[in-house]
N, C-alpha and C. Protein backbone atom coordinates (compact mmCIF):
# COMPACT_ATOMS: atom_id res chain seq x y z
N MET A 1 -30.14 -20.73 29.97
CA MET A 1 -31.31 -19.91 29.56
C MET A 1 -32.69 -20.75 29.56
N SER A 2 -33.69 -20.13 30.10
CA SER A 2 -34.93 -20.83 30.29
C SER A 2 -35.61 -21.12 29.00
N LYS A 3 -36.56 -22.08 29.14
CA LYS A 3 -37.20 -22.59 27.74
C LYS A 3 -37.90 -21.47 27.09
N LYS A 4 -38.53 -20.67 27.96
CA LYS A 4 -39.25 -19.53 27.36
C LYS A 4 -38.41 -18.51 26.53
N LYS A 5 -37.25 -18.15 27.22
CA LYS A 5 -36.33 -17.32 26.60
C LYS A 5 -35.69 -17.85 25.30
N THR A 6 -35.54 -19.21 25.32
CA THR A 6 -34.97 -19.91 24.18
C THR A 6 -35.97 -19.67 22.97
N GLU A 7 -37.31 -19.96 23.29
CA GLU A 7 -38.33 -20.01 22.37
C GLU A 7 -38.43 -18.51 21.81
N ASN A 8 -38.27 -17.53 22.64
CA ASN A 8 -38.39 -16.17 22.33
C ASN A 8 -37.30 -15.91 21.31
N VAL A 9 -35.96 -16.30 21.53
CA VAL A 9 -34.90 -16.16 20.66
C VAL A 9 -35.19 -16.81 19.31
N ARG A 10 -35.66 -18.08 19.37
CA ARG A 10 -35.95 -18.79 18.19
C ARG A 10 -37.05 -18.09 17.49
N MET A 11 -38.14 -17.63 17.95
CA MET A 11 -39.12 -16.87 17.16
C MET A 11 -38.47 -15.63 16.60
N LEU A 12 -37.66 -14.88 17.26
CA LEU A 12 -37.12 -13.60 16.76
C LEU A 12 -36.18 -13.86 15.68
N ALA A 13 -35.39 -15.04 15.77
CA ALA A 13 -34.51 -15.39 14.58
C ALA A 13 -35.40 -15.76 13.39
N ILE A 14 -36.51 -16.46 13.50
CA ILE A 14 -37.42 -16.75 12.40
C ILE A 14 -37.98 -15.41 11.93
N SER A 15 -38.39 -14.61 12.80
CA SER A 15 -39.07 -13.24 12.27
C SER A 15 -37.93 -12.38 11.40
N ALA A 16 -36.63 -12.56 11.94
CA ALA A 16 -35.67 -11.80 11.16
C ALA A 16 -35.47 -12.54 9.81
N LEU A 17 -35.58 -13.81 9.82
CA LEU A 17 -35.39 -14.39 8.48
C LEU A 17 -36.55 -14.02 7.51
N PHE A 18 -37.81 -13.85 8.02
CA PHE A 18 -38.93 -13.48 7.26
C PHE A 18 -38.68 -12.00 6.67
N THR A 19 -38.11 -11.18 7.63
CA THR A 19 -37.83 -9.69 7.25
C THR A 19 -36.95 -9.74 6.14
N ALA A 20 -36.01 -10.59 6.09
CA ALA A 20 -35.03 -10.59 4.95
C ALA A 20 -35.82 -11.38 3.84
N LEU A 21 -36.72 -12.32 3.86
CA LEU A 21 -37.39 -12.92 2.65
C LEU A 21 -38.35 -11.80 2.22
N ILE A 22 -38.95 -11.10 2.96
CA ILE A 22 -39.72 -9.97 2.43
C ILE A 22 -39.11 -8.99 1.65
N ALA A 23 -37.84 -8.60 2.12
CA ALA A 23 -36.95 -7.75 1.40
C ALA A 23 -36.51 -8.33 0.03
N VAL A 24 -36.18 -9.55 0.12
CA VAL A 24 -35.81 -10.27 -1.13
C VAL A 24 -36.97 -10.50 -2.16
N GLY A 25 -38.10 -10.78 -1.51
CA GLY A 25 -39.43 -10.91 -2.41
C GLY A 25 -39.72 -9.79 -3.08
N ALA A 26 -39.35 -8.46 -2.50
CA ALA A 26 -39.68 -7.29 -3.31
C ALA A 26 -38.95 -7.09 -4.61
N PHE A 27 -37.92 -7.80 -4.80
CA PHE A 27 -37.12 -7.80 -6.00
C PHE A 27 -37.18 -9.00 -6.80
N ILE A 28 -37.99 -9.94 -6.49
CA ILE A 28 -38.30 -11.08 -7.37
C ILE A 28 -39.56 -10.79 -8.02
N ARG A 29 -39.30 -10.09 -9.33
CA ARG A 29 -40.62 -9.44 -9.99
C ARG A 29 -40.82 -10.14 -11.24
N ILE A 30 -42.10 -10.33 -11.62
CA ILE A 30 -42.62 -10.67 -12.86
C ILE A 30 -43.22 -9.43 -13.47
N PRO A 31 -42.48 -8.87 -14.56
CA PRO A 31 -42.96 -7.63 -15.00
C PRO A 31 -44.30 -7.81 -15.90
N VAL A 32 -45.28 -6.94 -15.52
CA VAL A 32 -46.66 -6.88 -16.34
C VAL A 32 -46.91 -5.38 -16.32
N PRO A 33 -47.78 -5.08 -17.25
CA PRO A 33 -48.41 -3.77 -17.29
C PRO A 33 -48.89 -3.19 -16.01
N LEU A 34 -48.63 -2.01 -15.55
CA LEU A 34 -49.15 -1.23 -14.40
C LEU A 34 -48.33 -1.70 -13.16
N TRP A 35 -48.38 -2.88 -12.75
CA TRP A 35 -47.74 -3.28 -11.34
C TRP A 35 -46.95 -4.56 -11.62
N PRO A 36 -45.70 -4.66 -11.25
CA PRO A 36 -45.05 -5.95 -11.35
C PRO A 36 -45.50 -6.83 -10.26
N PHE A 37 -45.65 -8.05 -10.47
CA PHE A 37 -45.82 -9.08 -9.59
C PHE A 37 -44.54 -9.34 -8.78
N THR A 38 -44.72 -9.35 -7.36
CA THR A 38 -43.48 -9.72 -6.61
C THR A 38 -43.90 -10.83 -5.59
N LEU A 39 -43.06 -11.40 -4.91
CA LEU A 39 -43.21 -12.40 -3.90
C LEU A 39 -43.50 -11.76 -2.47
N GLN A 40 -43.34 -10.46 -2.37
CA GLN A 40 -43.34 -9.81 -1.03
C GLN A 40 -44.68 -10.32 -0.36
N THR A 41 -45.84 -10.16 -0.88
CA THR A 41 -47.01 -10.71 -0.20
C THR A 41 -47.20 -12.04 0.14
N LEU A 42 -46.41 -13.03 -0.60
CA LEU A 42 -46.26 -14.43 -0.33
C LEU A 42 -45.64 -14.46 1.07
N PHE A 43 -44.46 -13.76 1.24
CA PHE A 43 -43.66 -13.89 2.43
C PHE A 43 -44.43 -13.25 3.58
N THR A 44 -45.05 -11.98 3.39
CA THR A 44 -45.72 -11.42 4.55
C THR A 44 -46.94 -12.20 5.09
N THR A 45 -47.54 -12.82 4.16
CA THR A 45 -48.68 -13.74 4.52
C THR A 45 -48.14 -14.91 5.25
N LEU A 46 -47.16 -15.56 4.69
CA LEU A 46 -46.62 -16.73 5.26
C LEU A 46 -46.08 -16.50 6.61
N ALA A 47 -45.37 -15.26 6.92
CA ALA A 47 -44.96 -14.88 8.13
C ALA A 47 -46.08 -14.74 9.12
N ALA A 48 -47.11 -14.33 8.80
CA ALA A 48 -48.36 -14.18 9.74
C ALA A 48 -48.96 -15.73 9.98
N LEU A 49 -48.87 -16.41 9.06
CA LEU A 49 -49.49 -17.94 9.22
C LEU A 49 -48.67 -18.64 10.09
N LEU A 50 -47.43 -18.57 9.94
CA LEU A 50 -46.39 -19.50 10.63
C LEU A 50 -46.06 -18.85 12.02
N LEU A 51 -46.07 -17.58 12.18
CA LEU A 51 -45.47 -16.92 13.33
C LEU A 51 -46.50 -16.38 14.39
N GLY A 52 -47.72 -16.18 13.80
CA GLY A 52 -48.74 -15.67 14.75
C GLY A 52 -48.72 -14.07 14.73
N PRO A 53 -49.66 -13.57 15.48
CA PRO A 53 -49.72 -12.06 15.21
C PRO A 53 -48.57 -11.16 15.70
N ARG A 54 -47.87 -11.56 16.82
CA ARG A 54 -46.93 -10.83 17.35
C ARG A 54 -45.58 -10.92 16.58
N TYR A 55 -45.17 -12.12 16.26
CA TYR A 55 -43.86 -12.25 15.45
C TYR A 55 -44.12 -12.13 14.00
N GLY A 56 -45.27 -12.43 13.45
CA GLY A 56 -45.51 -12.13 11.88
C GLY A 56 -45.64 -10.67 11.76
N ALA A 57 -46.25 -9.84 12.54
CA ALA A 57 -46.31 -8.43 12.47
C ALA A 57 -45.00 -7.83 12.69
N LEU A 58 -44.24 -8.39 13.59
CA LEU A 58 -42.76 -8.00 13.87
C LEU A 58 -42.00 -8.05 12.65
N ALA A 59 -42.10 -9.14 11.90
CA ALA A 59 -41.25 -9.30 10.77
C ALA A 59 -41.62 -8.18 9.61
N CYS A 60 -42.94 -7.98 9.48
CA CYS A 60 -43.35 -7.01 8.54
C CYS A 60 -42.94 -5.53 9.04
N ALA A 61 -43.07 -5.33 10.34
CA ALA A 61 -42.68 -4.07 10.90
C ALA A 61 -41.22 -3.74 10.76
N ALA A 62 -40.45 -4.80 10.93
CA ALA A 62 -39.12 -4.59 10.86
C ALA A 62 -38.62 -4.25 9.47
N TYR A 63 -39.27 -4.85 8.43
CA TYR A 63 -38.98 -4.49 7.05
C TYR A 63 -39.38 -3.18 6.81
N MET A 64 -40.65 -2.65 7.20
CA MET A 64 -41.06 -1.29 7.05
C MET A 64 -40.01 -0.31 7.68
N VAL A 65 -39.50 -0.54 8.92
CA VAL A 65 -38.63 0.32 9.73
C VAL A 65 -37.25 0.31 8.93
N LEU A 66 -36.90 -0.67 8.48
CA LEU A 66 -35.43 -0.78 7.69
C LEU A 66 -35.61 0.05 6.48
N GLY A 67 -36.71 -0.18 5.75
CA GLY A 67 -36.83 0.74 4.52
C GLY A 67 -36.96 2.10 4.66
N LEU A 68 -37.69 2.52 5.76
CA LEU A 68 -37.87 3.89 6.11
C LEU A 68 -36.62 4.57 6.54
N ALA A 69 -35.74 3.61 7.23
CA ALA A 69 -34.49 4.09 7.66
C ALA A 69 -33.44 4.39 6.59
N GLY A 70 -33.80 3.92 5.30
CA GLY A 70 -32.93 4.22 4.24
C GLY A 70 -32.35 3.15 3.39
N LEU A 71 -32.61 1.91 3.95
CA LEU A 71 -32.27 0.71 3.14
C LEU A 71 -33.13 0.65 1.87
N PRO A 72 -32.43 0.42 0.66
CA PRO A 72 -33.37 0.34 -0.58
C PRO A 72 -34.09 -0.80 -0.68
N ILE A 73 -34.91 -1.32 0.31
CA ILE A 73 -35.54 -2.63 0.28
C ILE A 73 -36.98 -2.67 -0.23
N PHE A 74 -37.46 -1.36 -0.50
CA PHE A 74 -38.88 -1.33 -1.09
C PHE A 74 -38.84 -1.56 -2.57
N THR A 75 -39.96 -1.86 -3.09
CA THR A 75 -39.71 -2.05 -4.58
C THR A 75 -39.42 -0.72 -5.35
N GLY A 76 -39.54 0.50 -4.68
CA GLY A 76 -39.21 1.66 -5.35
C GLY A 76 -38.06 2.38 -4.59
N GLY A 77 -37.38 1.69 -3.72
CA GLY A 77 -36.24 2.31 -3.02
C GLY A 77 -36.42 2.34 -1.60
N GLY A 78 -36.20 3.33 -0.89
CA GLY A 78 -36.31 3.42 0.60
C GLY A 78 -35.99 4.74 1.11
N GLY A 79 -36.21 4.96 2.37
CA GLY A 79 -35.91 6.27 3.01
C GLY A 79 -37.39 6.68 3.54
N PRO A 80 -37.16 7.84 4.37
CA PRO A 80 -38.39 8.42 5.07
C PRO A 80 -39.41 8.89 4.07
N GLN A 81 -38.85 9.45 3.02
CA GLN A 81 -39.76 10.13 1.99
C GLN A 81 -40.75 9.16 1.35
N TYR A 82 -40.36 7.84 1.46
CA TYR A 82 -41.28 6.76 0.86
C TYR A 82 -42.79 6.94 1.32
N ILE A 83 -42.88 7.32 2.53
CA ILE A 83 -44.19 7.43 2.97
C ILE A 83 -45.12 8.37 2.04
N PHE A 84 -44.73 9.08 1.25
CA PHE A 84 -45.22 9.75 0.19
C PHE A 84 -45.34 8.88 -1.24
N HIS A 85 -44.84 7.92 -1.16
CA HIS A 85 -45.07 7.02 -2.43
C HIS A 85 -46.48 6.43 -2.34
N PRO A 86 -47.07 6.43 -3.49
CA PRO A 86 -48.49 5.95 -3.55
C PRO A 86 -48.75 4.45 -3.06
N THR A 87 -47.61 3.74 -3.16
CA THR A 87 -47.70 2.35 -2.78
C THR A 87 -47.34 1.95 -1.28
N PHE A 88 -47.02 3.03 -0.57
CA PHE A 88 -46.50 2.68 0.89
C PHE A 88 -47.62 2.22 1.67
N GLY A 89 -48.86 2.48 1.37
CA GLY A 89 -49.96 2.04 2.16
C GLY A 89 -50.03 0.38 2.26
N CYS A 90 -49.57 -0.21 1.07
CA CYS A 90 -49.49 -1.61 1.28
C CYS A 90 -48.55 -2.17 2.20
N ILE A 91 -47.30 -1.35 2.32
CA ILE A 91 -46.39 -1.72 3.35
C ILE A 91 -46.97 -1.72 4.79
N VAL A 92 -47.68 -0.57 5.01
CA VAL A 92 -48.49 -0.45 6.41
C VAL A 92 -49.48 -1.63 6.46
N GLY A 93 -50.01 -2.02 5.35
CA GLY A 93 -51.04 -2.95 5.36
C GLY A 93 -50.36 -4.41 5.69
N PHE A 94 -49.18 -4.56 5.18
CA PHE A 94 -48.54 -5.89 5.73
C PHE A 94 -48.46 -6.07 7.17
N VAL A 95 -48.13 -5.01 7.97
CA VAL A 95 -48.10 -5.18 9.34
C VAL A 95 -49.46 -5.46 9.88
N LEU A 96 -50.42 -4.66 9.54
CA LEU A 96 -51.92 -4.73 10.13
C LEU A 96 -52.57 -6.04 9.64
N GLY A 97 -52.18 -6.41 8.31
CA GLY A 97 -52.72 -7.67 7.79
C GLY A 97 -52.02 -8.83 8.62
N ALA A 98 -50.92 -8.78 8.86
CA ALA A 98 -50.13 -9.95 9.61
C ALA A 98 -50.76 -9.97 11.01
N LEU A 99 -51.07 -8.87 11.56
CA LEU A 99 -51.83 -8.99 12.91
C LEU A 99 -53.06 -9.65 12.82
N LEU A 100 -53.97 -9.31 11.84
CA LEU A 100 -55.24 -9.90 11.75
C LEU A 100 -55.10 -11.42 11.45
N ALA A 101 -54.33 -11.84 10.41
CA ALA A 101 -54.14 -13.17 9.85
C ALA A 101 -53.56 -13.99 10.96
N GLY A 102 -52.60 -13.47 11.84
CA GLY A 102 -52.02 -14.24 12.73
C GLY A 102 -53.02 -14.42 14.00
N PHE A 103 -53.80 -13.45 14.21
CA PHE A 103 -54.94 -13.67 15.25
C PHE A 103 -56.02 -14.78 14.75
N ILE A 104 -56.19 -14.81 13.55
CA ILE A 104 -57.23 -15.66 13.07
C ILE A 104 -56.77 -17.16 13.21
N VAL A 105 -55.41 -17.35 12.89
CA VAL A 105 -54.89 -18.71 13.00
C VAL A 105 -54.57 -18.94 14.32
N ARG A 106 -54.27 -18.17 15.27
CA ARG A 106 -54.15 -18.42 16.79
C ARG A 106 -55.59 -18.84 17.34
N ARG A 107 -56.48 -18.21 17.00
CA ARG A 107 -57.94 -18.50 17.68
C ARG A 107 -58.46 -19.73 17.08
N ALA A 108 -58.01 -20.25 16.08
CA ALA A 108 -58.66 -21.35 15.42
C ALA A 108 -58.51 -22.59 16.30
N SER A 109 -59.50 -23.45 16.66
CA SER A 109 -59.44 -24.57 17.50
C SER A 109 -58.60 -25.67 16.63
N ARG A 110 -58.80 -25.67 15.20
CA ARG A 110 -58.09 -26.85 14.52
C ARG A 110 -57.60 -25.98 13.32
N ARG A 111 -56.32 -26.25 13.04
CA ARG A 111 -55.67 -25.49 11.91
C ARG A 111 -55.47 -26.55 10.71
N GLY A 112 -55.77 -26.01 9.56
CA GLY A 112 -55.77 -26.67 8.36
C GLY A 112 -55.66 -25.73 7.22
N PHE A 113 -55.82 -26.31 6.12
CA PHE A 113 -55.70 -25.51 4.82
C PHE A 113 -56.71 -24.32 4.92
N GLY A 114 -58.05 -24.75 5.29
CA GLY A 114 -59.07 -23.77 5.19
C GLY A 114 -58.78 -22.60 6.01
N VAL A 115 -58.35 -22.92 7.36
CA VAL A 115 -58.13 -21.77 8.26
C VAL A 115 -56.95 -20.96 7.71
N TYR A 116 -55.99 -21.60 7.36
CA TYR A 116 -54.83 -20.80 6.85
C TYR A 116 -55.14 -19.88 5.64
N LEU A 117 -56.03 -20.47 4.69
CA LEU A 117 -56.46 -19.84 3.50
C LEU A 117 -57.43 -18.51 3.87
N ALA A 118 -58.31 -18.92 4.91
CA ALA A 118 -59.11 -17.76 5.29
C ALA A 118 -58.30 -16.56 5.97
N ALA A 119 -57.32 -16.92 6.74
CA ALA A 119 -56.29 -15.95 7.38
C ALA A 119 -55.61 -15.31 6.26
N GLY A 120 -55.01 -16.01 5.36
CA GLY A 120 -54.36 -15.38 4.26
C GLY A 120 -55.22 -14.49 3.33
N LEU A 121 -56.29 -14.69 3.18
CA LEU A 121 -57.35 -14.02 2.38
C LEU A 121 -57.71 -12.63 3.25
N ALA A 122 -57.70 -12.91 4.67
CA ALA A 122 -58.05 -11.46 5.33
C ALA A 122 -56.88 -10.77 5.47
N ASP A 123 -55.72 -11.33 5.48
CA ASP A 123 -54.50 -10.52 5.29
C ASP A 123 -54.35 -9.72 4.13
N MET A 124 -54.68 -10.35 3.05
CA MET A 124 -54.80 -9.68 1.61
C MET A 124 -55.73 -8.60 1.49
N ALA A 125 -56.90 -8.81 2.16
CA ALA A 125 -58.05 -7.72 2.27
C ALA A 125 -57.47 -6.56 2.92
N VAL A 126 -56.88 -6.71 4.13
CA VAL A 126 -56.33 -5.56 4.83
C VAL A 126 -55.20 -4.86 3.97
N VAL A 127 -54.45 -5.52 3.40
CA VAL A 127 -53.37 -5.03 2.50
C VAL A 127 -54.11 -4.04 1.34
N TYR A 128 -55.04 -4.68 0.62
CA TYR A 128 -55.73 -4.01 -0.44
C TYR A 128 -56.55 -2.68 0.09
N VAL A 129 -57.23 -2.81 1.25
CA VAL A 129 -57.92 -1.65 1.81
C VAL A 129 -57.05 -0.52 2.22
N ILE A 130 -56.05 -0.91 2.84
CA ILE A 130 -55.08 0.22 3.33
C ILE A 130 -54.30 0.73 2.16
N GLY A 131 -53.86 -0.17 1.32
CA GLY A 131 -53.10 0.27 0.16
C GLY A 131 -53.79 1.01 -0.74
N MET A 132 -55.04 0.72 -1.03
CA MET A 132 -56.03 1.51 -2.00
C MET A 132 -56.32 2.95 -1.47
N ALA A 133 -56.61 2.89 -0.07
CA ALA A 133 -56.77 4.07 0.65
C ALA A 133 -55.73 5.08 0.61
N TRP A 134 -54.42 4.49 0.79
CA TRP A 134 -53.23 5.26 0.90
C TRP A 134 -52.89 5.78 -0.61
N PHE A 135 -52.99 5.02 -1.43
CA PHE A 135 -52.79 5.35 -2.91
C PHE A 135 -53.68 6.58 -3.35
N TRP A 136 -55.00 6.27 -3.07
CA TRP A 136 -55.99 7.48 -3.28
C TRP A 136 -55.50 8.75 -2.71
N ALA A 137 -55.31 8.79 -1.38
CA ALA A 137 -54.87 9.96 -0.55
C ALA A 137 -53.58 10.57 -1.03
N VAL A 138 -52.58 9.71 -1.42
CA VAL A 138 -51.32 10.43 -1.85
C VAL A 138 -51.59 10.94 -3.24
N LYS A 139 -52.22 10.19 -4.22
CA LYS A 139 -52.67 10.92 -5.37
C LYS A 139 -53.37 12.24 -5.26
N ALA A 140 -54.36 12.29 -4.40
CA ALA A 140 -55.34 13.37 -4.35
C ALA A 140 -54.46 14.50 -3.54
N PHE A 141 -54.00 14.15 -2.47
CA PHE A 141 -53.51 15.30 -1.48
C PHE A 141 -52.01 15.80 -1.66
N TYR A 142 -51.32 14.65 -1.99
CA TYR A 142 -49.84 15.01 -2.10
C TYR A 142 -49.40 15.30 -3.43
N MET A 143 -49.91 14.61 -4.45
CA MET A 143 -49.53 14.79 -5.89
C MET A 143 -50.45 15.76 -6.52
N GLY A 144 -51.60 16.03 -6.03
CA GLY A 144 -52.54 16.85 -6.68
C GLY A 144 -53.26 16.44 -7.98
N ASP A 145 -53.17 15.03 -7.84
CA ASP A 145 -53.86 14.38 -9.05
C ASP A 145 -54.93 13.35 -8.66
N PRO A 146 -56.06 13.80 -8.14
CA PRO A 146 -57.07 13.01 -7.60
C PRO A 146 -57.59 12.00 -8.76
N ILE A 147 -57.99 10.72 -8.27
CA ILE A 147 -58.47 9.82 -9.06
C ILE A 147 -59.89 9.32 -8.58
N GLY A 148 -60.70 8.85 -9.34
CA GLY A 148 -61.99 8.43 -9.09
C GLY A 148 -62.00 6.92 -8.49
N MET A 149 -62.92 6.37 -7.93
CA MET A 149 -63.10 5.06 -7.37
C MET A 149 -62.98 4.02 -8.41
N TRP A 150 -63.53 4.24 -9.61
CA TRP A 150 -63.40 3.30 -10.69
C TRP A 150 -61.99 3.18 -11.09
N THR A 151 -61.44 4.32 -11.33
CA THR A 151 -59.94 4.29 -11.76
C THR A 151 -59.01 3.64 -10.62
N LEU A 152 -59.38 3.97 -9.42
CA LEU A 152 -58.67 3.25 -8.34
C LEU A 152 -58.73 1.77 -8.45
N PHE A 153 -60.07 1.23 -8.60
CA PHE A 153 -60.60 -0.16 -8.57
C PHE A 153 -59.72 -0.76 -10.00
N LEU A 154 -59.59 -0.08 -10.99
CA LEU A 154 -59.06 -0.65 -12.24
C LEU A 154 -57.51 -0.67 -12.03
N THR A 155 -57.03 0.29 -11.28
CA THR A 155 -55.48 0.54 -11.33
C THR A 155 -54.95 -0.34 -10.20
N CYS A 156 -55.53 -0.35 -9.07
CA CYS A 156 -54.94 -1.01 -7.94
C CYS A 156 -55.44 -2.45 -7.52
N PHE A 157 -56.62 -2.73 -8.00
CA PHE A 157 -57.30 -3.98 -7.62
C PHE A 157 -57.40 -4.97 -8.69
N LEU A 158 -57.98 -4.62 -9.71
CA LEU A 158 -58.22 -5.66 -10.81
C LEU A 158 -56.87 -6.25 -11.29
N PRO A 159 -55.85 -5.59 -11.61
CA PRO A 159 -54.66 -6.25 -12.21
C PRO A 159 -53.97 -7.11 -11.17
N THR A 160 -54.12 -7.05 -9.90
CA THR A 160 -53.36 -7.84 -8.96
C THR A 160 -54.06 -8.85 -8.12
N ALA A 161 -55.43 -8.59 -7.85
CA ALA A 161 -56.09 -9.36 -7.03
C ALA A 161 -56.08 -10.85 -7.23
N GLY A 162 -56.18 -11.31 -8.44
CA GLY A 162 -56.14 -12.68 -8.82
C GLY A 162 -54.85 -13.49 -8.25
N VAL A 163 -53.71 -12.81 -8.73
CA VAL A 163 -52.59 -13.34 -8.43
C VAL A 163 -52.27 -13.36 -6.88
N ASP A 164 -52.75 -12.35 -6.14
CA ASP A 164 -52.68 -12.33 -4.67
C ASP A 164 -53.49 -13.36 -4.01
N ILE A 165 -54.55 -13.68 -4.55
CA ILE A 165 -55.48 -14.79 -4.07
C ILE A 165 -54.65 -16.02 -4.27
N LEU A 166 -54.00 -16.20 -5.39
CA LEU A 166 -53.10 -17.44 -5.56
C LEU A 166 -51.96 -17.51 -4.57
N LYS A 167 -51.46 -16.44 -4.26
CA LYS A 167 -50.36 -16.21 -3.30
C LYS A 167 -50.84 -16.63 -1.87
N ALA A 168 -52.06 -16.15 -1.49
CA ALA A 168 -52.69 -16.64 -0.25
C ALA A 168 -52.84 -18.05 -0.13
N ALA A 169 -53.29 -18.73 -1.25
CA ALA A 169 -53.41 -20.07 -1.30
C ALA A 169 -52.18 -20.73 -1.20
N ALA A 170 -51.13 -20.20 -1.94
CA ALA A 170 -49.77 -20.83 -1.81
C ALA A 170 -49.27 -20.73 -0.53
N ALA A 171 -49.51 -19.65 0.31
CA ALA A 171 -49.00 -19.45 1.72
C ALA A 171 -49.72 -20.42 2.56
N ALA A 172 -51.08 -20.69 2.32
CA ALA A 172 -51.86 -21.68 3.18
C ALA A 172 -51.29 -22.98 2.94
N ALA A 173 -51.01 -23.33 1.68
CA ALA A 173 -50.49 -24.70 1.39
C ALA A 173 -49.05 -25.07 2.10
N LEU A 174 -48.30 -23.98 1.83
CA LEU A 174 -46.94 -23.96 2.57
C LEU A 174 -47.08 -24.12 4.13
N ALA A 175 -48.00 -23.25 4.68
CA ALA A 175 -48.08 -23.30 6.08
C ALA A 175 -48.48 -24.66 6.75
N VAL A 176 -49.34 -25.43 5.80
CA VAL A 176 -49.85 -26.65 6.44
C VAL A 176 -48.60 -27.75 6.55
N ARG A 177 -47.53 -27.49 5.70
CA ARG A 177 -46.47 -28.37 5.68
C ARG A 177 -45.41 -27.74 6.58
N LEU A 178 -45.17 -26.44 6.65
CA LEU A 178 -44.05 -25.86 7.34
C LEU A 178 -44.35 -25.87 8.85
N VAL A 179 -45.68 -25.58 9.39
CA VAL A 179 -45.81 -25.58 10.75
C VAL A 179 -45.17 -26.73 11.49
N PRO A 180 -45.57 -28.06 11.01
CA PRO A 180 -45.05 -29.41 11.70
C PRO A 180 -43.52 -29.31 11.35
N ALA A 181 -43.10 -29.10 10.21
CA ALA A 181 -41.68 -29.24 9.88
C ALA A 181 -40.73 -28.26 10.70
N LEU A 182 -41.34 -27.19 10.95
CA LEU A 182 -40.53 -26.23 11.91
C LEU A 182 -40.69 -26.41 13.41
N GLY A 183 -41.62 -27.30 13.63
CA GLY A 183 -42.05 -27.52 14.99
C GLY A 183 -42.60 -26.36 15.74
N LEU A 184 -43.48 -25.62 14.89
CA LEU A 184 -44.05 -24.39 15.28
C LEU A 184 -45.42 -24.93 16.22
N SER A 185 -45.60 -24.42 17.29
CA SER A 185 -46.84 -24.89 18.07
C SER A 185 -47.66 -23.65 18.29
N ARG A 186 -49.02 -23.81 18.86
CA ARG A 186 -49.73 -22.75 19.07
C ARG A 186 -49.16 -21.71 20.09
N ALA A 187 -48.59 -22.46 21.16
CA ALA A 187 -48.04 -21.59 22.25
C ALA A 187 -46.94 -20.75 21.69
N GLU A 188 -46.09 -21.16 20.69
CA GLU A 188 -44.91 -20.36 20.20
C GLU A 188 -45.43 -19.21 19.35
N ALA A 189 -46.56 -19.38 18.67
CA ALA A 189 -47.13 -18.34 17.75
C ALA A 189 -47.93 -17.34 18.46
N GLU A 190 -48.05 -17.55 19.81
CA GLU A 190 -48.95 -16.45 20.60
C GLU A 190 -48.25 -15.39 21.30
């Protein structure tokens, strides 16, 4: 097998590992009012930072497809009907956020904690924008229970943003150590 094929197989295997970690992270919960804190976003962000846009987004997309296929790996279950769940937008945001974060890391001339943190925060911003828009749309159009922007902010952003910023910082700190430990290079993450 050629070196390029070997590296593709290796990156696919690591992507599959991250798909499993994202699924497990959905069930590692710290119960708090409104939304439980999970480790899902830590693993989605870490996948993007370590694997780049293609393989990081692949790990998140595989998680989404497996959940939509019926595996109960989302925090509220699974199946195709989950697209009508108010929080499904966050899952879509995982994929798009991983693309953006992976692209930011790939384009950086020098990688360090600051680059990883910026990419992680960009990832979280995408998850929040898409997640909040989806939440609002499902509540308004599917559930017939429209909410205002202030309520949306108080419900979807304020209770979780601080913890997600900490998870982005943790993912950045882990990426600084794991990239060399796993032997991941710029070429592999592209």
